[in-house]
C-alpha atoms as a PDB file:
ATOM      1  CA  MET A   1     162.727  95.160 106.835  1.00  0.00           C
ATOM      2  CA  GLN A   2     162.476  94.668 103.155  1.00  0.00           C
ATOM      3  CA  LYS A   3     159.111  91.865 103.579  1.00  0.00           C
ATOM      4  CA  ARG A   4     157.611  94.253 105.584  1.00  0.00           C
ATOM      5  CA  LYS A   5     157.423  96.843 102.816  1.00  0.00           C
ATOM      6  CA  ARG A   6     155.962  94.547  99.917  1.00  0.00           C
ATOM      7  CA  LYS A   7     154.042  93.514 103.068  1.00  0.00           C
ATOM      8  CA  GLU A   8     152.817  97.444 103.086  1.00  0.00           C
ATOM      9  CA  SER A   9     152.810  97.949  99.114  1.00  0.00           C
ATOM     10  CA  ARG A  10     150.583  94.613  98.812  1.00  0.00           C
ATOM     11  CA  GLN A  11     148.098  96.825 101.299  1.00  0.00           C
ATOM     12  CA  LEU A  12     148.435  99.908  98.971  1.00  0.00           C
ATOM     13  CA  LEU A  13     147.838  97.713  96.171  1.00  0.00           C
ATOM     14  CA  SER A  14     144.669  96.770  97.342  1.00  0.00           C
ATOM     15  CA  GLY A  15     142.282  99.715  98.008  1.00  0.00           C
ATOM     16  CA  ARG A  16     143.504 101.511  94.223  1.00  0.00           C
ATOM     17  CA  TYR A  17     140.810  98.772  92.625  1.00  0.00           C
ATOM     18  CA  HIS A  18     138.220 100.103  95.747  1.00  0.00           C
ATOM     19  CA  PHE A  19     138.560 103.136  94.613  1.00  0.00           C
ATOM     20  CA  GLN A  20     137.996 102.589  91.179  1.00  0.00           C
ATOM     21  CA  GLU A  21     135.055 100.763  92.172  1.00  0.00           C
ATOM     22  CA  ASN A  22     133.696 103.394  94.302  1.00  0.00           C
ATOM     23  CA  ILE A  23     133.627 105.917  91.442  1.00  0.00           C
ATOM     24  CA  GLN A  24     132.422 103.655  89.552  1.00  0.00           C
ATOM     25  CA  PHE A  25     129.442 102.700  91.308  1.00  0.00           C
ATOM     26  CA  CYS A  26     128.884 106.480  92.192  1.00  0.00           C
ATOM     27  CA  ARG A  27     129.140 107.487  88.177  1.00  0.00           C
ATOM     28  CA  THR A  28     125.999 104.409  87.442  1.00  0.00           C
ATOM     29  CA  ALA A  29     124.807 105.919  90.468  1.00  0.00           C
ATOM     30  CA  ARG A  30     124.997 109.679  88.768  1.00  0.00           C
ATOM     31  CA  GLY A  31     123.305 108.134  85.577  1.00  0.00           C
ATOM     32  CA  SER A  32     120.753 106.804  87.078  1.00  0.00           C
ATOM     33  CA  LEU A  33     119.560 109.817  89.103  1.00  0.00           C
ATOM     34  CA  LEU A  34     120.017 111.788  86.144  1.00  0.00           C
ATOM     35  CA  GLU A  35     117.525 109.236  83.978  1.00  0.00           C
ATOM     36  CA  THR A  36     115.172 109.139  87.347  1.00  0.00           C
ATOM     37  CA  PHE A  37     115.196 113.237  87.054  1.00  0.00           C
ATOM     38  CA  ASP A  38     114.226 112.605  83.157  1.00  0.00           C
ATOM     39  CA  HIS A  39     111.053 110.743  83.881  1.00  0.00           C
ATOM     40  CA  LEU A  40     110.030 113.392  86.641  1.00  0.00           C
ATOM     41  CA  THR A  41     110.045 115.903  83.972  1.00  0.00           C
ATOM     42  CA  VAL A  42     107.956 113.052  81.411  1.00  0.00           C
ATOM     43  CA  ALA A  43     105.344 113.789  84.815  1.00  0.00           C
ATOM     44  CA  LEU A  44     105.685 117.403  84.737  1.00  0.00           C
ATOM     45  CA  ASP A  45     104.918 117.329  81.397  1.00  0.00           C
ATOM     46  CA  GLU A  46     101.847 115.033  81.317  1.00  0.00           C
ATOM     47  CA  GLY A  47     100.610 116.655  84.017  1.00  0.00           C
ATOM     48  CA  TYR A  48     101.055 113.943  86.748  1.00  0.00           C
ATOM     49  CA  LEU A  49     103.278 116.369  88.627  1.00  0.00           C
ATOM     50  CA  ASN A  50     102.140 119.905  89.761  1.00  0.00           C
ATOM     51  CA  GLU A  51     105.137 122.411  89.120  1.00  0.00           C
ATOM     52  CA  GLU A  52     105.087 122.794  93.253  1.00  0.00           C
ATOM     53  CA  THR A  53     106.257 119.477  93.454  1.00  0.00           C
ATOM     54  CA  PHE A  54     108.125 119.038  90.463  1.00  0.00           C
ATOM     55  CA  ASN A  55     110.495 122.020  92.444  1.00  0.00           C
ATOM     56  CA  VAL A  56     110.856 120.111  95.328  1.00  0.00           C
ATOM     57  CA  TYR A  57     112.298 117.265  93.178  1.00  0.00           C
ATOM     58  CA  ASN A  58     114.013 119.150  91.561  1.00  0.00           C
ATOM     59  CA  ALA A  59     115.921 121.240  94.345  1.00  0.00           C
ATOM     60  CA  GLU A  60     116.641 117.352  95.847  1.00  0.00           C
ATOM     61  CA  TYR A  61     117.848 116.507  92.112  1.00  0.00           C
ATOM     62  CA  GLU A  62     120.611 119.323  92.176  1.00  0.00           C
ATOM     63  CA  GLU A  63     121.532 118.983  95.561  1.00  0.00           C
ATOM     64  CA  LEU A  64     121.647 115.056  95.362  1.00  0.00           C
ATOM     65  CA  ILE A  65     123.989 115.810  91.391  1.00  0.00           C
ATOM     66  CA  LYS A  66     126.623 118.066  93.812  1.00  0.00           C
ATOM     67  CA  MET A  67     126.411 115.733  96.908  1.00  0.00           C
ATOM     68  CA  LEU A  68     127.790 112.524  94.436  1.00  0.00           C
ATOM     69  CA  ASN A  69     129.976 114.921  91.579  1.00  0.00           C
ATOM     70  CA  GLY A  70     132.326 115.965  95.294  1.00  0.00           C
ATOM     71  CA  TYR A  71     132.614 112.282  95.978  1.00  0.00           C
ATOM     72  CA  ILE A  72     133.600 111.523  92.502  1.00  0.00           C
ATOM     73  CA  THR A  73     135.888 114.355  92.944  1.00  0.00           C
ATOM     74  CA  TYR A  74     137.404 113.505  95.926  1.00  0.00           C
ATOM     75  CA  LEU A  75     137.864 109.433  94.782  1.00  0.00           C
ATOM     76  CA  LYS A  76     139.965 110.530  92.688  1.00  0.00           C
ATOM     77  CA  LYS A  77     141.877 112.818  94.188  1.00  0.00           C
ATOM     78  CA  ARG A  78     142.192 109.977  96.767  1.00  0.00           C
ATOM     79  CA  LYS A  79     143.417 107.242  94.171  1.00  0.00           C
ATOM     80  CA  GLU A  80     145.369 109.443  92.746  1.00  0.00           C
ATOM     81  CA  GLU A  81     147.542 110.137  96.492  1.00  0.00           C
ATOM     82  CA  GLU A  82     147.523 106.728  96.719  1.00  0.00           C
ATOM     83  CA  ARG A  83     149.246 106.169  93.329  1.00  0.00           C
ATOM     84  CA  LYS A  84     151.644 108.353  94.213  1.00  0.00           C
ATOM     85  CA  GLN A  85     152.340 107.127  98.038  1.00  0.00           C
ATOM     86  CA  ILE A  86     152.822 102.995  95.869  1.00  0.00           C
ATOM     87  CA  ASN A  87     155.517 104.576  93.782  1.00  0.00           C
ATOM     88  CA  GLN A  88     157.142 106.343  96.502  1.00  0.00           C
ATOM     89  CA  SER A  89     156.948 103.392  98.541  1.00  0.00           C
ATOM     90  CA  ILE A  90     158.550 101.422  95.753  1.00  0.00           C
ATOM     91  CA  ILE A  91     161.208 103.736  95.643  1.00  0.00           C
END
């Protein structure tokens, strides 16, 4: 019985790092998305993009930011749930 508990704890612990790495990856992706949006803004200001094309990209940008933020929030909740599960299994 004790051996089984240890195995379950190790399995749960390995997921903790997975969530944090995924969160960090998404934060980096969000930063890249913000940088890309900045380039689009400059392209609009310099006349490389017309307003209509910029608005299409802007709508996509806003949707992607919402999706990334939602996914990061989900990962944080899952990470916390898993942490609680680990603490309960140790007790």
